[in-house]
Amino acid sequence: MFMVITKYVKDIEEVDRWLPAHSAFLDRYYARKKVIFSGRRNPRTGGAILFRVDERAELDAILAEDPLQNKRRNGMRGLRDHPDKIRRGLRHIRREDIGQ
């Protein structure tokens, strides 16, 4: 899994123009079960997305499709994580528990 933390590098008005396309991008990857959660930071300076992917190359390929990323409207960093402990109701999010 990778946690992606973004920080807007353009004015919020510029970011807002691209949010519908960004939302559609996220919807595609929710449907493919690659995104576990996503949301805006508070205060609204960026966002966070938890991806269920194994390799950095796969994450980079996905992020290349994100309108906010590929139009340089935000900066990002991806942090790789393998959860050792997960609350019982959330255990299904681990790749090995889904059977991918």
PDB file of N, CA and C in Angstrom:
ATOM      1  N   MET A   1       0.832  -1.172   0.000  1.00  0.00           N
ATOM      2  CA  MET A   1       0.000   0.000   0.000  1.00  0.00           C
ATOM      3  C   MET A   1       0.877   1.237   0.000  1.00  0.00           C
ATOM      4  N   PHE A   2       0.336   2.295  -0.562  1.00  0.00           N
ATOM      5  CA  PHE A   2       1.013   3.586  -0.553  1.00  0.00           C
ATOM      6  C   PHE A   2       0.037   4.652  -0.079  1.00  0.00           C
ATOM      7  N   MET A   3       0.494   5.484   0.829  1.00  0.00           N
ATOM      8  CA  MET A   3      -0.243   6.670   1.237  1.00  0.00           C
ATOM      9  C   MET A   3       0.349   7.829   0.458  1.00  0.00           C
ATOM     10  N   VAL A   4      -0.476   8.515  -0.294  1.00  0.00           N
ATOM     11  CA  VAL A   4      -0.030   9.674  -1.058  1.00  0.00           C
ATOM     12  C   VAL A   4      -0.565  10.922  -0.372  1.00  0.00           C
ATOM     13  N   ILE A   5       0.334  11.807  -0.005  1.00  0.00           N
ATOM     14  CA  ILE A   5      -0.007  13.084   0.614  1.00  0.00           C
ATOM     15  C   ILE A   5       0.289  14.166  -0.418  1.00  0.00           C
ATOM     16  N   THR A   6      -0.710  14.989  -0.717  1.00  0.00           N
ATOM     17  CA  THR A   6      -0.516  16.035  -1.707  1.00  0.00           C
ATOM     18  C   THR A   6      -0.547  17.409  -1.049  1.00  0.00           C
ATOM     19  N   LYS A   7       0.077  18.346  -1.726  1.00  0.00           N
ATOM     20  CA  LYS A   7       0.053  19.742  -1.302  1.00  0.00           C
ATOM     21  C   LYS A   7      -0.180  20.579  -2.554  1.00  0.00           C
ATOM     22  N   TYR A   8      -1.218  21.397  -2.519  1.00  0.00           N
ATOM     23  CA  TYR A   8      -1.508  22.253  -3.670  1.00  0.00           C
ATOM     24  C   TYR A   8      -0.385  23.246  -3.874  1.00  0.00           C
ATOM     25  N   VAL A   9       0.037  23.418  -5.132  1.00  0.00           N
ATOM     26  CA  VAL A   9       1.083  24.382  -5.460  1.00  0.00           C
ATOM     27  C   VAL A   9       0.527  25.515  -6.324  1.00  0.00           C
ATOM     28  N   LYS A  10      -0.747  25.464  -6.623  1.00  0.00           N
ATOM     29  CA  LYS A  10      -1.437  26.527  -7.360  1.00  0.00           C
ATOM     30  C   LYS A  10      -2.521  27.109  -6.458  1.00  0.00           C
ATOM     31  N   ASP A  11      -3.064  28.247  -6.870  1.00  0.00           N
ATOM     32  CA  ASP A  11      -4.178  28.851  -6.137  1.00  0.00           C
ATOM     33  C   ASP A  11      -5.344  27.881  -6.076  1.00  0.00           C
ATOM     34  N   ILE A  12      -6.116  27.956  -4.997  1.00  0.00           N
ATOM     35  CA  ILE A  12      -7.238  27.043  -4.803  1.00  0.00           C
ATOM     36  C   ILE A  12      -8.255  27.161  -5.937  1.00  0.00           C
ATOM     37  N   GLU A  13      -8.388  28.344  -6.537  1.00  0.00           N
ATOM     38  CA  GLU A  13      -9.301  28.523  -7.671  1.00  0.00           C
ATOM     39  C   GLU A  13      -8.866  27.672  -8.858  1.00  0.00           C
ATOM     40  N   GLU A  14      -7.569  27.611  -9.091  1.00  0.00           N
ATOM     41  CA  GLU A  14      -7.033  26.766 -10.169  1.00  0.00           C
ATOM     42  C   GLU A  14      -7.264  25.294  -9.851  1.00  0.00           C
ATOM     43  N   VAL A  15      -7.024  24.903  -8.622  1.00  0.00           N
ATOM     44  CA  VAL A  15      -7.260  23.510  -8.200  1.00  0.00           C
ATOM     45  C   VAL A  15      -8.734  23.160  -8.370  1.00  0.00           C
ATOM     46  N   ASP A  16      -9.628  24.060  -7.937  1.00  0.00           N
ATOM     47  CA  ASP A  16     -11.065  23.794  -8.018  1.00  0.00           C
ATOM     48  C   ASP A  16     -11.535  23.526  -9.444  1.00  0.00           C
ATOM     49  N   ARG A  17     -10.925  24.174 -10.416  1.00  0.00           N
ATOM     50  CA  ARG A  17     -11.308  23.938 -11.816  1.00  0.00           C
ATOM     51  C   ARG A  17     -11.046  22.500 -12.247  1.00  0.00           C
ATOM     52  N   TRP A  18     -10.084  21.854 -11.627  1.00  0.00           N
ATOM     53  CA  TRP A  18      -9.703  20.499 -12.012  1.00  0.00           C
ATOM     54  C   TRP A  18     -10.284  19.426 -11.093  1.00  0.00           C
ATOM     55  N   LEU A  19     -11.020  19.808 -10.056  1.00  0.00           N
ATOM     56  CA  LEU A  19     -11.562  18.815  -9.124  1.00  0.00           C
ATOM     57  C   LEU A  19     -12.554  17.837  -9.756  1.00  0.00           C
ATOM     58  N   PRO A  20     -13.441  18.260 -10.670  1.00  0.00           N
ATOM     59  CA  PRO A  20     -14.320  17.252 -11.298  1.00  0.00           C
ATOM     60  C   PRO A  20     -13.533  16.166 -12.044  1.00  0.00           C
ATOM     61  N   ALA A  21     -12.497  16.562 -12.761  1.00  0.00           N
ATOM     62  CA  ALA A  21     -11.672  15.571 -13.467  1.00  0.00           C
ATOM     63  C   ALA A  21     -10.902  14.699 -12.479  1.00  0.00           C
ATOM     64  N   HIS A  22     -10.424  15.303 -11.406  1.00  0.00           N
ATOM     65  CA  HIS A  22      -9.717  14.533 -10.363  1.00  0.00           C
ATOM     66  C   HIS A  22     -10.672  13.531  -9.710  1.00  0.00           C
ATOM     67  N   SER A  23     -11.899  13.966  -9.447  1.00  0.00           N
ATOM     68  CA  SER A  23     -12.898  13.072  -8.853  1.00  0.00           C
ATOM     69  C   SER A  23     -13.202  11.893  -9.776  1.00  0.00           C
ATOM     70  N   ALA A  24     -13.307  12.154 -11.068  1.00  0.00           N
ATOM     71  CA  ALA A  24     -13.537  11.068 -12.034  1.00  0.00           C
ATOM     72  C   ALA A  24     -12.354  10.095 -12.048  1.00  0.00           C
ATOM     73  N   PHE A  25     -11.142  10.633 -11.962  1.00  0.00           N
ATOM     74  CA  PHE A  25      -9.938   9.800 -11.866  1.00  0.00           C
ATOM     75  C   PHE A  25     -10.030   8.880 -10.640  1.00  0.00           C
ATOM     76  N   LEU A  26     -10.375   9.459  -9.490  1.00  0.00           N
ATOM     77  CA  LEU A  26     -10.499   8.662  -8.271  1.00  0.00           C
ATOM     78  C   LEU A  26     -11.584   7.598  -8.416  1.00  0.00           C
ATOM     79  N   ASP A  27     -12.723   7.970  -9.002  1.00  0.00           N
ATOM     80  CA  ASP A  27     -13.816   7.004  -9.190  1.00  0.00           C
ATOM     81  C   ASP A  27     -13.371   5.795 -10.002  1.00  0.00           C
ATOM     82  N   ARG A  28     -12.551   6.024 -11.046  1.00  0.00           N
ATOM     83  CA  ARG A  28     -12.036   4.900 -11.854  1.00  0.00           C
ATOM     84  C   ARG A  28     -11.236   3.934 -10.990  1.00  0.00           C
ATOM     85  N   TYR A  29     -10.412   4.475 -10.106  1.00  0.00           N
ATOM     86  CA  TYR A  29      -9.550   3.615  -9.302  1.00  0.00           C
ATOM     87  C   TYR A  29     -10.257   3.050  -8.074  1.00  0.00           C
ATOM     88  N   TYR A  30     -11.306   3.704  -7.602  1.00  0.00           N
ATOM     89  CA  TYR A  30     -12.174   3.060  -6.605  1.00  0.00           C
ATOM     90  C   TYR A  30     -12.836   1.840  -7.240  1.00  0.00           C
ATOM     91  N   ALA A  31     -13.331   1.977  -8.457  1.00  0.00           N
ATOM     92  CA  ALA A  31     -13.993   0.868  -9.150  1.00  0.00           C
ATOM     93  C   ALA A  31     -13.043  -0.305  -9.379  1.00  0.00           C
ATOM     94  N   ARG A  32     -11.765  -0.014  -9.569  1.00  0.00           N
ATOM     95  CA  ARG A  32     -10.752  -1.061  -9.773  1.00  0.00           C
ATOM     96  C   ARG A  32     -10.188  -1.574  -8.445  1.00  0.00           C
ATOM     97  N   LYS A  33     -10.719  -1.057  -7.337  1.00  0.00           N
ATOM     98  CA  LYS A  33     -10.305  -1.437  -5.984  1.00  0.00           C
ATOM     99  C   LYS A  33      -8.839  -1.118  -5.709  1.00  0.00           C
ATOM    100  N   LYS A  34      -8.366  -0.051  -6.297  1.00  0.00           N
ATOM    101  CA  LYS A  34      -6.993   0.405  -6.072  1.00  0.00           C
ATOM    102  C   LYS A  34      -6.920   1.526  -5.046  1.00  0.00           C
ATOM    103  N   VAL A  35      -8.051   2.247  -4.828  1.00  0.00           N
ATOM    104  CA  VAL A  35      -8.093   3.322  -3.846  1.00  0.00           C
ATOM    105  C   VAL A  35      -8.933   2.859  -2.667  1.00  0.00           C
ATOM    106  N   ILE A  36      -8.383   3.015  -1.467  1.00  0.00           N
ATOM    107  CA  ILE A  36      -9.091   2.631  -0.245  1.00  0.00           C
ATOM    108  C   ILE A  36      -9.821   3.829   0.338  1.00  0.00           C
ATOM    109  N   PHE A  37      -9.163   4.968   0.383  1.00  0.00           N
ATOM    110  CA  PHE A  37      -9.842   6.196   0.797  1.00  0.00           C
ATOM    111  C   PHE A  37      -9.116   7.391   0.209  1.00  0.00           C
ATOM    112  N   SER A  38      -9.833   8.500   0.167  1.00  0.00           N
ATOM    113  CA  SER A  38      -9.260   9.750  -0.306  1.00  0.00           C
ATOM    114  C   SER A  38      -9.996  10.892   0.372  1.00  0.00           C
ATOM    115  N   GLY A  39      -9.330  12.025   0.475  1.00  0.00           N
ATOM    116  CA  GLY A  39      -9.989  13.176   1.074  1.00  0.00           C
ATOM    117  C   GLY A  39      -9.108  14.402   1.099  1.00  0.00           C
ATOM    118  N   ARG A  40      -9.754  15.534   1.339  1.00  0.00           N
ATOM    119  CA  ARG A  40      -9.050  16.811   1.436  1.00  0.00           C
ATOM    120  C   ARG A  40      -8.446  16.967   2.819  1.00  0.00           C
ATOM    121  N   ARG A  41      -7.334  17.688   2.856  1.00  0.00           N
ATOM    122  CA  ARG A  41      -6.736  18.033   4.144  1.00  0.00           C
ATOM    123  C   ARG A  41      -7.476  19.231   4.729  1.00  0.00           C
ATOM    124  N   ASN A  42      -7.385  19.384   6.038  1.00  0.00           N
ATOM    125  CA  ASN A  42      -8.012  20.496   6.720  1.00  0.00           C
ATOM    126  C   ASN A  42      -6.956  21.179   7.578  1.00  0.00           C
ATOM    127  N   PRO A  43      -6.530  22.408   7.265  1.00  0.00           N
ATOM    128  CA  PRO A  43      -7.112  23.287   6.262  1.00  0.00           C
ATOM    129  C   PRO A  43      -6.839  22.777   4.846  1.00  0.00           C
ATOM    130  N   ARG A  44      -7.574  23.298   3.909  1.00  0.00           N
ATOM    131  CA  ARG A  44      -7.569  22.793   2.532  1.00  0.00           C
ATOM    132  C   ARG A  44      -6.299  23.205   1.785  1.00  0.00           C
ATOM    133  N   THR A  45      -5.253  22.465   2.034  1.00  0.00           N
ATOM    134  CA  THR A  45      -3.953  22.732   1.420  1.00  0.00           C
ATOM    135  C   THR A  45      -3.496  21.580   0.530  1.00  0.00           C
ATOM    136  N   GLY A  46      -4.289  20.529   0.432  1.00  0.00           N
ATOM    137  CA  GLY A  46      -3.940  19.343  -0.339  1.00  0.00           C
ATOM    138  C   GLY A  46      -4.880  18.219   0.034  1.00  0.00           C
ATOM    139  N   GLY A  47      -4.395  16.997  -0.098  1.00  0.00           N
ATOM    140  CA  GLY A  47      -5.237  15.852   0.207  1.00  0.00           C
ATOM    141  C   GLY A  47      -4.416  14.628   0.545  1.00  0.00           C
ATOM    142  N   ALA A  48      -5.120  13.528   0.721  1.00  0.00           N
ATOM    143  CA  ALA A  48      -4.487  12.242   1.011  1.00  0.00           C
ATOM    144  C   ALA A  48      -5.262  11.151   0.297  1.00  0.00           C
ATOM    145  N   ILE A  49      -4.534  10.179  -0.236  1.00  0.00           N
ATOM    146  CA  ILE A  49      -5.138   9.027  -0.918  1.00  0.00           C
ATOM    147  C   ILE A  49      -4.373   7.788  -0.478  1.00  0.00           C
ATOM    148  N   LEU A  50      -5.100   6.759  -0.057  1.00  0.00           N
ATOM    149  CA  LEU A  50      -4.477   5.478   0.271  1.00  0.00           C
ATOM    150  C   LEU A  50      -4.729   4.528  -0.898  1.00  0.00           C
ATOM    151  N   PHE A  51      -3.634   4.120  -1.558  1.00  0.00           N
ATOM    152  CA  PHE A  51      -3.697   3.219  -2.710  1.00  0.00           C
ATOM    153  C   PHE A  51      -3.345   1.797  -2.292  1.00  0.00           C
ATOM    154  N   ARG A  52      -4.057   0.846  -2.838  1.00  0.00           N
ATOM    155  CA  ARG A  52      -3.768  -0.567  -2.625  1.00  0.00           C
ATOM    156  C   ARG A  52      -3.034  -1.092  -3.863  1.00  0.00           C
ATOM    157  N   VAL A  53      -1.747  -0.771  -3.919  1.00  0.00           N
ATOM    158  CA  VAL A  53      -0.862  -1.236  -4.983  1.00  0.00           C
ATOM    159  C   VAL A  53       0.431  -1.726  -4.344  1.00  0.00           C
ATOM    160  N   ASP A  54       1.119  -2.619  -5.031  1.00  0.00           N
ATOM    161  CA  ASP A  54       2.332  -3.222  -4.475  1.00  0.00           C
ATOM    162  C   ASP A  54       3.618  -2.507  -4.854  1.00  0.00           C
ATOM    163  N   GLU A  55       3.678  -1.987  -6.062  1.00  0.00           N
ATOM    164  CA  GLU A  55       4.940  -1.457  -6.570  1.00  0.00           C
ATOM    165  C   GLU A  55       4.861   0.037  -6.852  1.00  0.00           C
ATOM    166  N   ARG A  56       5.978   0.706  -6.644  1.00  0.00           N
ATOM    167  CA  ARG A  56       6.042   2.141  -6.899  1.00  0.00           C
ATOM    168  C   ARG A  56       5.761   2.452  -8.367  1.00  0.00           C
ATOM    169  N   ALA A  57       6.204   1.597  -9.268  1.00  0.00           N
ATOM    170  CA  ALA A  57       5.970   1.824 -10.696  1.00  0.00           C
ATOM    171  C   ALA A  57       4.473   1.839 -11.013  1.00  0.00           C
ATOM    172  N   GLU A  58       3.707   0.963 -10.374  1.00  0.00           N
ATOM    173  CA  GLU A  58       2.260   0.948 -10.582  1.00  0.00           C
ATOM    174  C   GLU A  58       1.642   2.241 -10.042  1.00  0.00           C
ATOM    175  N   LEU A  59       2.078   2.669  -8.866  1.00  0.00           N
ATOM    176  CA  LEU A  59       1.580   3.920  -8.301  1.00  0.00           C
ATOM    177  C   LEU A  59       1.897   5.087  -9.228  1.00  0.00           C
ATOM    178  N   ASP A  60       3.117   5.154  -9.719  1.00  0.00           N
ATOM    179  CA  ASP A  60       3.509   6.248 -10.607  1.00  0.00           C
ATOM    180  C   ASP A  60       2.674   6.265 -11.882  1.00  0.00           C
ATOM    181  N   ALA A  61       2.378   5.090 -12.432  1.00  0.00           N
ATOM    182  CA  ALA A  61       1.546   5.005 -13.637  1.00  0.00           C
ATOM    183  C   ALA A  61       0.129   5.503 -13.359  1.00  0.00           C
ATOM    184  N   ILE A  62      -0.407   5.151 -12.207  1.00  0.00           N
ATOM    185  CA  ILE A  62      -1.746   5.623 -11.827  1.00  0.00           C
ATOM    186  C   ILE A  62      -1.728   7.136 -11.647  1.00  0.00           C
ATOM    187  N   LEU A  63      -0.764   7.645 -10.911  1.00  0.00           N
ATOM    188  CA  LEU A  63      -0.704   9.084 -10.633  1.00  0.00           C
ATOM    189  C   LEU A  63      -0.488   9.904 -11.897  1.00  0.00           C
ATOM    190  N   ALA A  64       0.126   9.328 -12.913  1.00  0.00           N
ATOM    191  CA  ALA A  64       0.322  10.038 -14.179  1.00  0.00           C
ATOM    192  C   ALA A  64      -1.018  10.368 -14.839  1.00  0.00           C
ATOM    193  N   GLU A  65      -2.081   9.661 -14.464  1.00  0.00           N
ATOM    194  CA  GLU A  65      -3.414   9.923 -15.007  1.00  0.00           C
ATOM    195  C   GLU A  65      -4.187  10.973 -14.208  1.00  0.00           C
ATOM    196  N   ASP A  66      -3.701  11.342 -13.040  1.00  0.00           N
ATOM    197  CA  ASP A  66      -4.412  12.274 -12.177  1.00  0.00           C
ATOM    198  C   ASP A  66      -4.275  13.697 -12.715  1.00  0.00           C
ATOM    199  N   PRO A  67      -5.391  14.354 -13.067  1.00  0.00           N
ATOM    200  CA  PRO A  67      -5.301  15.712 -13.612  1.00  0.00           C
ATOM    201  C   PRO A  67      -4.595  16.700 -12.679  1.00  0.00           C
ATOM    202  N   LEU A  68      -4.755  16.552 -11.383  1.00  0.00           N
ATOM    203  CA  LEU A  68      -4.072  17.472 -10.466  1.00  0.00           C
ATOM    204  C   LEU A  68      -2.567  17.233 -10.455  1.00  0.00           C
ATOM    205  N   GLN A  69      -2.161  16.001 -10.639  1.00  0.00           N
ATOM    206  CA  GLN A  69      -0.734  15.691 -10.636  1.00  0.00           C
ATOM    207  C   GLN A  69      -0.099  15.993 -11.991  1.00  0.00           C
ATOM    208  N   ASN A  70      -0.728  15.533 -13.066  1.00  0.00           N
ATOM    209  CA  ASN A  70      -0.067  15.681 -14.367  1.00  0.00           C
ATOM    210  C   ASN A  70      -0.130  17.102 -14.919  1.00  0.00           C
ATOM    211  N   LYS A  71      -0.960  17.950 -14.329  1.00  0.00           N
ATOM    212  CA  LYS A  71      -0.983  19.367 -14.714  1.00  0.00           C
ATOM    213  C   LYS A  71      -0.183  20.219 -13.729  1.00  0.00           C
ATOM    214  N   ARG A  72       0.538  19.579 -12.829  1.00  0.00           N
ATOM    215  CA  ARG A  72       1.417  20.244 -11.862  1.00  0.00           C
ATOM    216  C   ARG A  72       0.655  21.231 -10.970  1.00  0.00           C
ATOM    217  N   ARG A  73      -0.546  20.822 -10.570  1.00  0.00           N
ATOM    218  CA  ARG A  73      -1.319  21.664  -9.664  1.00  0.00           C
ATOM    219  C   ARG A  73      -1.111  21.263  -8.216  1.00  0.00           C
ATOM    220  N   ASN A  74      -0.429  20.169  -8.022  1.00  0.00           N
ATOM    221  CA  ASN A  74      -0.084  19.783  -6.657  1.00  0.00           C
ATOM    222  C   ASN A  74       1.254  19.072  -6.654  1.00  0.00           C
ATOM    223  N   GLY A  75       1.887  19.081  -5.492  1.00  0.00           N
ATOM    224  CA  GLY A  75       3.080  18.284  -5.270  1.00  0.00           C
ATOM    225  C   GLY A  75       2.644  17.072  -4.465  1.00  0.00           C
ATOM    226  N   MET A  76       3.429  16.028  -4.477  1.00  0.00           N
ATOM    227  CA  MET A  76       3.011  14.857  -3.718  1.00  0.00           C
ATOM    228  C   MET A  76       4.207  14.063  -3.243  1.00  0.00           C
ATOM    229  N   ARG A  77       3.938  13.269  -2.233  1.00  0.00           N
ATOM    230  CA  ARG A  77       4.921  12.272  -1.821  1.00  0.00           C
ATOM    231  C   ARG A  77       4.152  10.993  -1.519  1.00  0.00           C
ATOM    232  N   GLY A  78       4.722   9.891  -1.938  1.00  0.00           N
ATOM    233  CA  GLY A  78       4.114   8.586  -1.712  1.00  0.00           C
ATOM    234  C   GLY A  78       4.903   7.823  -0.676  1.00  0.00           C
ATOM    235  N   LEU A  79       4.235   7.375   0.351  1.00  0.00           N
ATOM    236  CA  LEU A  79       4.865   6.640   1.439  1.00  0.00           C
ATOM    237  C   LEU A  79       4.406   5.194   1.389  1.00  0.00           C
ATOM    238  N   ARG A  80       5.342   4.273   1.270  1.00  0.00           N
ATOM    239  CA  ARG A  80       4.993   2.854   1.213  1.00  0.00           C
ATOM    240  C   ARG A  80       4.743   2.334   2.614  1.00  0.00           C
ATOM    241  N   ASP A  81       3.712   1.511   2.743  1.00  0.00           N
ATOM    242  CA  ASP A  81       3.353   0.980   4.048  1.00  0.00           C
ATOM    243  C   ASP A  81       2.794  -0.422   3.891  1.00  0.00           C
ATOM    244  N   HIS A  82       3.102  -1.255   4.848  1.00  0.00           N
ATOM    245  CA  HIS A  82       2.466  -2.563   4.956  1.00  0.00           C
ATOM    246  C   HIS A  82       1.887  -2.644   6.360  1.00  0.00           C
ATOM    247  N   PRO A  83       0.574  -2.569   6.457  1.00  0.00           N
ATOM    248  CA  PRO A  83      -0.028  -2.572   7.795  1.00  0.00           C
ATOM    249  C   PRO A  83       0.173  -3.912   8.498  1.00  0.00           C
ATOM    250  N   ASP A  84       0.747  -3.862   9.675  1.00  0.00           N
ATOM    251  CA  ASP A  84       0.917  -5.068  10.476  1.00  0.00           C
ATOM    252  C   ASP A  84      -0.318  -5.372  11.300  1.00  0.00           C
ATOM    253  N   LYS A  85      -0.982  -4.341  11.739  1.00  0.00           N
ATOM    254  CA  LYS A  85      -2.200  -4.513  12.525  1.00  0.00           C
ATOM    255  C   LYS A  85      -3.305  -3.692  11.891  1.00  0.00           C
ATOM    256  N   ILE A  86      -4.456  -4.300  11.751  1.00  0.00           N
ATOM    257  CA  ILE A  86      -5.628  -3.627  11.198  1.00  0.00           C
ATOM    258  C   ILE A  86      -6.836  -4.031  12.025  1.00  0.00           C
ATOM    259  N   ARG A  87      -7.655  -3.055  12.352  1.00  0.00           N
ATOM    260  CA  ARG A  87      -8.868  -3.351  13.095  1.00  0.00           C
ATOM    261  C   ARG A  87      -9.703  -4.382  12.347  1.00  0.00           C
ATOM    262  N   ARG A  88     -10.332  -5.269  13.070  1.00  0.00           N
ATOM    263  CA  ARG A  88     -11.055  -6.398  12.492  1.00  0.00           C
ATOM    264  C   ARG A  88     -11.965  -5.988  11.333  1.00  0.00           C
ATOM    265  N   GLY A  89     -12.730  -4.935  11.459  1.00  0.00           N
ATOM    266  CA  GLY A  89     -13.660  -4.528  10.417  1.00  0.00           C
ATOM    267  C   GLY A  89     -13.005  -3.996   9.150  1.00  0.00           C
ATOM    268  N   LEU A  90     -11.694  -3.764   9.203  1.00  0.00           N
ATOM    269  CA  LEU A  90     -10.979  -3.214   8.052  1.00  0.00           C
ATOM    270  C   LEU A  90      -9.966  -4.180   7.454  1.00  0.00           C
ATOM    271  N   ARG A  91      -9.873  -5.354   7.951  1.00  0.00           N
ATOM    272  CA  ARG A  91      -8.839  -6.296   7.487  1.00  0.00           C
ATOM    273  C   ARG A  91      -8.960  -6.647   6.013  1.00  0.00           C
ATOM    274  N   HIS A  92     -10.137  -6.517   5.450  1.00  0.00           N
ATOM    275  CA  HIS A  92     -10.337  -6.867   4.045  1.00  0.00           C
ATOM    276  C   HIS A  92      -9.565  -5.963   3.083  1.00  0.00           C
ATOM    277  N   ILE A  93      -9.012  -4.862   3.551  1.00  0.00           N
ATOM    278  CA  ILE A  93      -8.313  -3.963   2.634  1.00  0.00           C
ATOM    279  C   ILE A  93      -6.905  -4.445   2.289  1.00  0.00           C
ATOM    280  N   ARG A  94      -6.373  -5.361   3.073  1.00  0.00           N
ATOM    281  CA  ARG A  94      -5.042  -5.872   2.738  1.00  0.00           C
ATOM    282  C   ARG A  94      -5.130  -6.734   1.494  1.00  0.00           C
ATOM    283  N   ARG A  95      -4.154  -6.596   0.625  1.00  0.00           N
ATOM    284  CA  ARG A  95      -4.131  -7.326  -0.644  1.00  0.00           C
ATOM    285  C   ARG A  95      -4.280  -8.842  -0.440  1.00  0.00           C
ATOM    286  N   GLU A  96      -3.563  -9.385   0.529  1.00  0.00           N
ATOM    287  CA  GLU A  96      -3.603 -10.844   0.730  1.00  0.00           C
ATOM    288  C   GLU A  96      -4.982 -11.320   1.184  1.00  0.00           C
ATOM    289  N   ASP A  97      -5.759 -10.425   1.798  1.00  0.00           N
ATOM    290  CA  ASP A  97      -7.100 -10.795   2.236  1.00  0.00           C
ATOM    291  C   ASP A  97      -8.142 -10.663   1.128  1.00  0.00           C
ATOM    292  N   ILE A  98      -7.792  -9.994   0.039  1.00  0.00           N
ATOM    293  CA  ILE A  98      -8.718  -9.799  -1.052  1.00  0.00           C
ATOM    294  C   ILE A  98      -8.507 -10.852  -2.130  1.00  0.00           C
ATOM    295  N   GLY A  99      -7.319 -11.419  -2.172  1.00  0.00           N
ATOM    296  CA  GLY A  99      -7.027 -12.448  -3.165  1.00  0.00           C
ATOM    297  C   GLY A  99      -6.683 -11.899  -4.527  1.00  0.00           C
ATOM    298  N   GLN A 100      -6.018 -10.751  -4.565  1.00  0.00           N
ATOM    299  CA  GLN A 100      -5.638 -10.137  -5.845  1.00  0.00           C
ATOM    300  C   GLN A 100      -4.466 -10.852  -6.439  1.00  0.00           C
TER     301      GLN A 100
END
